[in-house]
N, C-alpha and C. Protein backbone atom coordinates (compact mmCIF):
# COMPACT_ATOMS: atom_id res chain seq x y z
N MET A 1 10.08 30.21 -49.05
CA MET A 1 11.23 29.51 -48.53
C MET A 1 10.90 28.04 -48.28
N LEU A 2 9.74 27.79 -47.70
CA LEU A 2 9.32 26.43 -47.42
C LEU A 2 9.13 25.64 -48.72
N ARG A 3 8.57 26.29 -49.74
CA ARG A 3 8.38 25.63 -51.04
C ARG A 3 9.72 25.23 -51.65
N LEU A 4 10.70 26.10 -51.56
CA LEU A 4 12.02 25.82 -52.09
C LEU A 4 12.64 24.62 -51.37
N ALA A 5 12.52 24.59 -50.07
CA ALA A 5 13.07 23.48 -49.29
C ALA A 5 12.38 22.17 -49.67
N LEU A 6 11.07 22.19 -49.83
CA LEU A 6 10.33 20.99 -50.22
C LEU A 6 10.73 20.53 -51.63
N ALA A 7 10.89 21.48 -52.54
CA ALA A 7 11.29 21.14 -53.90
C ALA A 7 12.67 20.49 -53.91
N LEU A 8 13.60 21.04 -53.14
CA LEU A 8 14.95 20.47 -53.07
C LEU A 8 14.93 19.08 -52.44
N LEU A 9 14.08 18.88 -51.45
CA LEU A 9 13.95 17.57 -50.82
C LEU A 9 13.43 16.53 -51.81
N LEU A 10 12.48 16.92 -52.62
CA LEU A 10 11.91 15.99 -53.61
C LEU A 10 12.89 15.69 -54.74
N LEU A 11 13.72 16.64 -55.10
CA LEU A 11 14.67 16.45 -56.20
C LEU A 11 15.94 15.70 -55.78
N ALA A 12 16.24 15.65 -54.51
CA ALA A 12 17.47 15.00 -54.04
C ALA A 12 17.58 13.55 -54.49
N PRO A 13 16.52 12.71 -54.33
CA PRO A 13 16.65 11.34 -54.79
C PRO A 13 16.84 11.25 -56.31
N LEU A 14 16.21 12.14 -57.06
CA LEU A 14 16.36 12.13 -58.52
C LEU A 14 17.79 12.43 -58.92
N SER A 15 18.41 13.39 -58.23
CA SER A 15 19.79 13.73 -58.59
C SER A 15 20.73 12.62 -58.19
N ALA A 16 20.49 11.94 -57.08
CA ALA A 16 21.33 10.80 -56.70
C ALA A 16 21.19 9.68 -57.72
N TYR A 17 19.96 9.45 -58.18
CA TYR A 17 19.72 8.42 -59.19
C TYR A 17 20.41 8.78 -60.50
N ALA A 18 20.36 10.06 -60.87
CA ALA A 18 21.04 10.52 -62.08
C ALA A 18 22.54 10.33 -61.94
N ASP A 19 23.09 10.62 -60.77
CA ASP A 19 24.53 10.43 -60.54
C ASP A 19 24.91 8.96 -60.69
N GLU A 20 24.07 8.04 -60.18
CA GLU A 20 24.33 6.61 -60.32
C GLU A 20 24.33 6.22 -61.80
N CYS A 21 23.38 6.74 -62.54
CA CYS A 21 23.28 6.43 -63.97
C CYS A 21 24.49 6.99 -64.72
N ASP A 22 24.88 8.21 -64.39
CA ASP A 22 26.06 8.80 -65.02
C ASP A 22 27.30 7.97 -64.72
N GLY A 23 27.42 7.50 -63.47
CA GLY A 23 28.55 6.66 -63.10
C GLY A 23 28.56 5.35 -63.86
N LEU A 24 27.38 4.75 -64.02
CA LEU A 24 27.26 3.50 -64.77
C LEU A 24 27.62 3.73 -66.24
N ALA A 25 27.20 4.85 -66.79
CA ALA A 25 27.54 5.18 -68.18
C ALA A 25 29.06 5.32 -68.33
N GLN A 26 29.70 5.93 -67.35
CA GLN A 26 31.16 6.06 -67.39
C GLN A 26 31.83 4.69 -67.35
N GLN A 27 31.32 3.79 -66.51
CA GLN A 27 31.88 2.44 -66.41
C GLN A 27 31.72 1.69 -67.73
N ILE A 28 30.55 1.80 -68.35
CA ILE A 28 30.30 1.13 -69.62
C ILE A 28 31.22 1.69 -70.69
N ALA A 29 31.35 3.00 -70.74
CA ALA A 29 32.23 3.63 -71.73
C ALA A 29 33.66 3.14 -71.55
N ALA A 30 34.13 3.09 -70.32
CA ALA A 30 35.50 2.63 -70.06
C ALA A 30 35.68 1.17 -70.45
N ALA A 31 34.69 0.34 -70.15
CA ALA A 31 34.79 -1.10 -70.44
C ALA A 31 34.74 -1.40 -71.94
N THR A 32 34.05 -0.56 -72.70
CA THR A 32 33.89 -0.81 -74.15
C THR A 32 34.82 0.04 -75.01
N GLY A 33 35.63 0.87 -74.39
CA GLY A 33 36.50 1.75 -75.16
C GLY A 33 35.76 2.91 -75.79
N GLY A 34 34.62 3.26 -75.21
CA GLY A 34 33.80 4.33 -75.76
C GLY A 34 33.90 5.61 -74.96
N LYS A 35 33.02 6.54 -75.30
CA LYS A 35 32.93 7.82 -74.61
C LYS A 35 31.47 8.11 -74.31
N VAL A 36 31.23 8.70 -73.15
CA VAL A 36 29.87 9.08 -72.79
C VAL A 36 29.47 10.26 -73.67
N GLY A 37 28.29 10.13 -74.25
CA GLY A 37 27.78 11.18 -75.13
C GLY A 37 26.68 11.97 -74.47
N ARG A 38 25.68 12.29 -75.25
CA ARG A 38 24.58 13.16 -74.84
C ARG A 38 23.60 12.43 -73.93
N ARG A 39 23.05 13.17 -72.98
CA ARG A 39 22.02 12.65 -72.08
C ARG A 39 20.70 13.29 -72.47
N SER A 40 19.65 12.46 -72.56
CA SER A 40 18.32 12.95 -72.86
C SER A 40 17.35 12.28 -71.89
N GLY A 41 16.93 12.99 -70.87
CA GLY A 41 16.06 12.41 -69.85
C GLY A 41 16.77 11.26 -69.15
N PRO A 42 16.14 10.08 -69.12
CA PRO A 42 16.77 8.95 -68.43
C PRO A 42 17.78 8.18 -69.29
N SER A 43 18.01 8.63 -70.52
CA SER A 43 18.88 7.91 -71.46
C SER A 43 20.20 8.64 -71.71
N ILE A 44 21.27 7.86 -71.79
CA ILE A 44 22.60 8.40 -72.06
C ILE A 44 23.19 7.63 -73.23
N ASP A 45 23.65 8.37 -74.26
CA ASP A 45 24.33 7.76 -75.40
C ASP A 45 25.77 7.45 -75.02
N ILE A 46 26.25 6.31 -75.47
CA ILE A 46 27.65 5.94 -75.29
C ILE A 46 28.21 5.66 -76.67
N LYS A 47 29.20 6.43 -77.05
CA LYS A 47 29.78 6.31 -78.38
C LYS A 47 30.94 5.32 -78.34
N VAL A 48 30.81 4.26 -79.10
CA VAL A 48 31.87 3.25 -79.20
C VAL A 48 32.40 3.25 -80.63
N PRO A 49 33.62 2.77 -80.83
CA PRO A 49 34.17 2.74 -82.18
C PRO A 49 33.28 1.93 -83.14
N GLY A 50 33.21 2.35 -84.38
CA GLY A 50 32.43 1.65 -85.39
C GLY A 50 31.02 2.21 -85.52
N SER A 51 30.15 1.42 -86.11
CA SER A 51 28.79 1.89 -86.40
C SER A 51 27.77 1.46 -85.34
N ILE A 52 28.24 1.01 -84.21
CA ILE A 52 27.36 0.55 -83.14
C ILE A 52 26.96 1.74 -82.26
N LYS A 53 25.70 1.78 -81.88
CA LYS A 53 25.21 2.80 -80.97
C LYS A 53 24.75 2.12 -79.71
N ILE A 54 25.28 2.54 -78.57
CA ILE A 54 24.87 1.99 -77.28
C ILE A 54 24.14 3.09 -76.51
N ASP A 55 23.08 2.69 -75.84
CA ASP A 55 22.26 3.61 -75.07
C ASP A 55 21.99 2.98 -73.71
N LEU A 56 22.18 3.74 -72.65
CA LEU A 56 21.85 3.31 -71.30
C LEU A 56 20.63 4.10 -70.86
N THR A 57 19.59 3.39 -70.45
CA THR A 57 18.38 4.04 -69.94
C THR A 57 18.20 3.62 -68.49
N CYS A 58 18.11 4.60 -67.61
CA CYS A 58 17.97 4.33 -66.18
C CYS A 58 16.56 4.68 -65.74
N ARG A 59 15.84 3.64 -65.39
CA ARG A 59 14.51 3.79 -64.81
C ARG A 59 14.48 2.91 -63.56
N ALA A 60 13.43 2.12 -63.35
CA ALA A 60 13.38 1.23 -62.18
C ALA A 60 14.61 0.34 -62.14
N GLU A 61 14.97 -0.23 -63.27
CA GLU A 61 16.20 -1.01 -63.44
C GLU A 61 16.86 -0.51 -64.72
N PRO A 62 18.17 -0.31 -64.72
CA PRO A 62 18.84 0.16 -65.93
C PRO A 62 18.74 -0.86 -67.06
N ILE A 63 18.66 -0.36 -68.27
CA ILE A 63 18.64 -1.20 -69.48
C ILE A 63 19.70 -0.65 -70.42
N VAL A 64 20.48 -1.54 -71.01
CA VAL A 64 21.45 -1.13 -72.01
C VAL A 64 21.01 -1.73 -73.33
N GLN A 65 21.08 -0.93 -74.38
CA GLN A 65 20.70 -1.43 -75.70
C GLN A 65 21.71 -0.97 -76.73
N ALA A 66 21.81 -1.76 -77.77
CA ALA A 66 22.70 -1.42 -78.88
C ALA A 66 21.90 -1.53 -80.16
N SER A 67 22.20 -0.63 -81.10
CA SER A 67 21.54 -0.67 -82.39
C SER A 67 22.58 -0.60 -83.49
N SER A 68 22.22 -1.20 -84.62
CA SER A 68 23.12 -1.22 -85.76
C SER A 68 22.29 -1.09 -87.04
N GLY A 69 22.80 -0.31 -87.97
CA GLY A 69 22.17 -0.16 -89.28
C GLY A 69 22.76 -1.11 -90.30
N ASP A 70 23.75 -1.90 -89.91
CA ASP A 70 24.37 -2.86 -90.83
C ASP A 70 23.41 -3.99 -91.14
N PRO A 71 23.46 -4.56 -92.35
CA PRO A 71 22.58 -5.68 -92.69
C PRO A 71 22.71 -6.85 -91.71
N THR A 72 23.90 -7.11 -91.25
CA THR A 72 24.14 -8.12 -90.22
C THR A 72 25.06 -7.48 -89.19
N PRO A 73 24.68 -7.48 -87.92
CA PRO A 73 25.55 -6.85 -86.93
C PRO A 73 26.89 -7.58 -86.83
N SER A 74 27.92 -6.81 -86.56
CA SER A 74 29.27 -7.37 -86.44
C SER A 74 29.43 -8.12 -85.12
N ALA A 75 30.50 -8.87 -85.02
CA ALA A 75 30.83 -9.54 -83.76
C ALA A 75 31.02 -8.50 -82.66
N ALA A 76 31.59 -7.34 -83.01
CA ALA A 76 31.81 -6.27 -82.03
C ALA A 76 30.49 -5.78 -81.44
N PHE A 77 29.42 -5.80 -82.22
CA PHE A 77 28.09 -5.40 -81.74
C PHE A 77 27.72 -6.24 -80.52
N PHE A 78 27.80 -7.56 -80.66
CA PHE A 78 27.43 -8.46 -79.57
C PHE A 78 28.46 -8.41 -78.43
N GLN A 79 29.73 -8.26 -78.76
CA GLN A 79 30.78 -8.19 -77.73
C GLN A 79 30.60 -6.94 -76.87
N ASP A 80 30.44 -5.78 -77.52
CA ASP A 80 30.29 -4.54 -76.76
C ASP A 80 29.03 -4.55 -75.90
N LEU A 81 27.93 -5.02 -76.45
CA LEU A 81 26.69 -5.08 -75.68
C LEU A 81 26.83 -6.06 -74.52
N SER A 82 27.52 -7.16 -74.72
CA SER A 82 27.73 -8.15 -73.66
C SER A 82 28.61 -7.60 -72.54
N ILE A 83 29.65 -6.86 -72.91
CA ILE A 83 30.53 -6.24 -71.92
C ILE A 83 29.75 -5.21 -71.11
N ALA A 84 28.98 -4.38 -71.80
CA ALA A 84 28.17 -3.37 -71.11
C ALA A 84 27.13 -4.03 -70.20
N SER A 85 26.56 -5.13 -70.67
CA SER A 85 25.51 -5.82 -69.91
C SER A 85 26.04 -6.45 -68.64
N GLN A 86 27.30 -6.88 -68.66
CA GLN A 86 27.89 -7.48 -67.47
C GLN A 86 27.78 -6.54 -66.28
N LEU A 87 27.95 -5.26 -66.52
CA LEU A 87 27.89 -4.28 -65.44
C LEU A 87 26.47 -4.13 -64.88
N LEU A 88 25.46 -4.46 -65.68
CA LEU A 88 24.07 -4.34 -65.23
C LEU A 88 23.56 -5.61 -64.57
N VAL A 89 23.85 -6.77 -65.17
CA VAL A 89 23.23 -8.01 -64.70
C VAL A 89 24.17 -8.93 -63.95
N GLY A 90 25.47 -8.65 -63.97
CA GLY A 90 26.42 -9.44 -63.20
C GLY A 90 26.78 -10.79 -63.81
N GLU A 91 26.39 -11.03 -65.04
CA GLU A 91 26.75 -12.27 -65.73
C GLU A 91 28.00 -12.02 -66.57
N SER A 92 28.73 -13.07 -66.87
CA SER A 92 29.92 -12.92 -67.70
C SER A 92 29.51 -12.50 -69.11
N PRO A 93 30.39 -11.76 -69.79
CA PRO A 93 30.09 -11.39 -71.17
C PRO A 93 29.80 -12.60 -72.06
N ALA A 94 30.49 -13.71 -71.83
CA ALA A 94 30.26 -14.92 -72.64
C ALA A 94 28.84 -15.44 -72.46
N THR A 95 28.36 -15.43 -71.23
CA THR A 95 26.98 -15.89 -70.96
C THR A 95 25.97 -14.97 -71.62
N VAL A 96 26.16 -13.66 -71.45
CA VAL A 96 25.24 -12.69 -72.05
C VAL A 96 25.28 -12.81 -73.57
N GLN A 97 26.47 -12.94 -74.13
CA GLN A 97 26.60 -13.00 -75.59
C GLN A 97 25.90 -14.24 -76.15
N ALA A 98 25.97 -15.36 -75.45
CA ALA A 98 25.28 -16.57 -75.92
C ALA A 98 23.76 -16.36 -75.94
N ILE A 99 23.22 -15.73 -74.91
CA ILE A 99 21.77 -15.47 -74.85
C ILE A 99 21.37 -14.45 -75.91
N LEU A 100 22.19 -13.42 -76.09
CA LEU A 100 21.89 -12.43 -77.14
C LEU A 100 21.90 -13.08 -78.52
N GLY A 101 22.84 -13.98 -78.75
CA GLY A 101 22.90 -14.69 -80.03
C GLY A 101 21.63 -15.48 -80.29
N LYS A 102 21.12 -16.14 -79.25
CA LYS A 102 19.86 -16.90 -79.38
C LYS A 102 18.69 -15.96 -79.66
N ALA A 103 18.65 -14.83 -78.95
CA ALA A 103 17.56 -13.86 -79.16
C ALA A 103 17.62 -13.29 -80.57
N TYR A 104 18.81 -13.00 -81.04
CA TYR A 104 18.98 -12.46 -82.40
C TYR A 104 18.53 -13.49 -83.45
N GLN A 105 18.97 -14.72 -83.32
CA GLN A 105 18.59 -15.76 -84.28
C GLN A 105 17.08 -16.01 -84.25
N ALA A 106 16.48 -16.01 -83.07
CA ALA A 106 15.03 -16.20 -82.97
C ALA A 106 14.28 -15.04 -83.62
N SER A 107 14.78 -13.82 -83.46
CA SER A 107 14.15 -12.66 -84.08
C SER A 107 14.19 -12.77 -85.60
N LEU A 108 15.32 -13.22 -86.13
CA LEU A 108 15.41 -13.41 -87.58
C LEU A 108 14.44 -14.48 -88.06
N ALA A 109 14.41 -15.60 -87.35
CA ALA A 109 13.58 -16.73 -87.77
C ALA A 109 12.09 -16.43 -87.64
N GLU A 110 11.71 -15.75 -86.56
CA GLU A 110 10.30 -15.52 -86.28
C GLU A 110 9.78 -14.19 -86.83
N ARG A 111 10.70 -13.34 -87.32
CA ARG A 111 10.36 -12.03 -87.86
C ARG A 111 9.56 -11.17 -86.89
N ARG A 112 10.00 -11.23 -85.64
CA ARG A 112 9.40 -10.39 -84.59
C ARG A 112 10.40 -10.26 -83.46
N LYS A 113 10.08 -9.42 -82.50
CA LYS A 113 10.96 -9.23 -81.35
C LYS A 113 11.07 -10.53 -80.56
N SER A 114 12.28 -10.89 -80.21
CA SER A 114 12.52 -12.08 -79.41
C SER A 114 12.95 -11.65 -78.01
N PHE A 115 12.42 -12.33 -77.01
CA PHE A 115 12.64 -11.97 -75.62
C PHE A 115 13.00 -13.22 -74.84
N ILE A 116 14.16 -13.23 -74.19
CA ILE A 116 14.61 -14.39 -73.42
C ILE A 116 14.91 -13.96 -71.99
N GLN A 117 14.30 -14.65 -71.02
CA GLN A 117 14.56 -14.38 -69.62
C GLN A 117 15.59 -15.37 -69.09
N GLN A 118 16.47 -14.88 -68.21
CA GLN A 118 17.56 -15.71 -67.70
C GLN A 118 17.95 -15.22 -66.31
N ASN A 119 17.73 -16.00 -65.26
CA ASN A 119 18.24 -15.70 -63.92
C ASN A 119 18.00 -14.27 -63.44
N GLY A 120 16.79 -13.74 -63.61
CA GLY A 120 16.47 -12.41 -63.13
C GLY A 120 16.80 -11.28 -64.09
N TRP A 121 17.25 -11.61 -65.28
CA TRP A 121 17.51 -10.59 -66.30
C TRP A 121 16.96 -11.07 -67.62
N SER A 122 16.90 -10.17 -68.58
CA SER A 122 16.35 -10.53 -69.88
C SER A 122 17.18 -9.93 -71.00
N ALA A 123 17.12 -10.58 -72.14
CA ALA A 123 17.74 -10.09 -73.36
C ALA A 123 16.67 -10.11 -74.44
N SER A 124 16.67 -9.08 -75.28
CA SER A 124 15.72 -9.07 -76.38
C SER A 124 16.41 -8.52 -77.62
N CYS A 125 15.94 -8.97 -78.77
CA CYS A 125 16.44 -8.46 -80.04
C CYS A 125 15.28 -8.27 -81.00
N TYR A 126 15.41 -7.25 -81.81
CA TYR A 126 14.44 -6.95 -82.86
C TYR A 126 15.25 -6.72 -84.13
N THR A 127 14.80 -7.32 -85.21
CA THR A 127 15.47 -7.12 -86.50
C THR A 127 14.48 -6.61 -87.53
N ASP A 128 14.98 -5.77 -88.43
CA ASP A 128 14.17 -5.21 -89.51
C ASP A 128 15.08 -5.08 -90.73
N SER A 129 14.88 -5.94 -91.71
CA SER A 129 15.78 -5.96 -92.87
C SER A 129 15.65 -4.72 -93.75
N ALA A 130 14.57 -3.95 -93.59
CA ALA A 130 14.36 -2.78 -94.45
C ALA A 130 14.56 -1.45 -93.74
N GLY A 131 14.66 -1.45 -92.42
CA GLY A 131 14.74 -0.20 -91.68
C GLY A 131 16.14 0.38 -91.60
N SER A 132 16.22 1.62 -91.13
CA SER A 132 17.53 2.24 -90.96
C SER A 132 18.25 1.63 -89.76
N ILE A 133 17.49 1.20 -88.76
CA ILE A 133 18.06 0.41 -87.67
C ILE A 133 17.67 -1.03 -87.98
N ARG A 134 18.64 -1.81 -88.36
CA ARG A 134 18.35 -3.19 -88.76
C ARG A 134 18.32 -4.15 -87.57
N THR A 135 19.09 -3.83 -86.54
CA THR A 135 19.11 -4.68 -85.34
C THR A 135 19.11 -3.80 -84.11
N LEU A 136 18.25 -4.16 -83.15
CA LEU A 136 18.19 -3.48 -81.87
C LEU A 136 18.09 -4.57 -80.80
N CYS A 137 19.09 -4.65 -79.95
CA CYS A 137 19.09 -5.64 -78.86
C CYS A 137 19.26 -4.91 -77.53
N SER A 138 18.66 -5.46 -76.49
CA SER A 138 18.76 -4.85 -75.18
C SER A 138 18.90 -5.91 -74.09
N VAL A 139 19.48 -5.49 -72.98
CA VAL A 139 19.66 -6.37 -71.82
C VAL A 139 19.38 -5.55 -70.57
N GLY A 140 18.71 -6.16 -69.61
CA GLY A 140 18.46 -5.49 -68.34
C GLY A 140 17.90 -6.44 -67.30
N ARG A 141 17.96 -6.02 -66.08
CA ARG A 141 17.37 -6.80 -65.00
C ARG A 141 15.85 -6.72 -65.10
N ILE A 142 15.19 -7.78 -64.70
CA ILE A 142 13.74 -7.79 -64.66
C ILE A 142 13.32 -7.11 -63.36
N PRO A 143 12.51 -6.04 -63.45
CA PRO A 143 12.10 -5.35 -62.23
C PRO A 143 11.36 -6.29 -61.27
N ARG A 144 11.65 -6.13 -60.00
CA ARG A 144 10.97 -6.94 -58.98
C ARG A 144 9.55 -6.43 -58.80
N GLY A 145 8.68 -7.34 -58.47
CA GLY A 145 7.34 -6.87 -58.16
C GLY A 145 6.30 -7.58 -58.81
């Protein structure tokens, strides 16, 4: 009986954290016109119209990422990721989209992952002209510490 009580006590914060992540996924889905999909550990798929895949990962600080298999990501790719990111970092979608655009262009030019820090949050993009995922960009708060 004591073991069960201790186990439930230890799991309570994890379930509250999962509930927060689920709630955030619902907000992102509503803001982007998508639907919450499958959850796998700390990650939740969010299905949005088109070929864009959005994923929310909740750890110390939530991170939202979008991937595209298109040779060049559409404007909707950056718009949807920027809208989703607003809920995480508190910046306007226009501000996030401008930083994502810079990270994407730097990744293309430098042929490596580009990482830009901005006011306590970061944006990164990775491009691969030959892979099945041609563009992967993410936004999240920089963990304190």
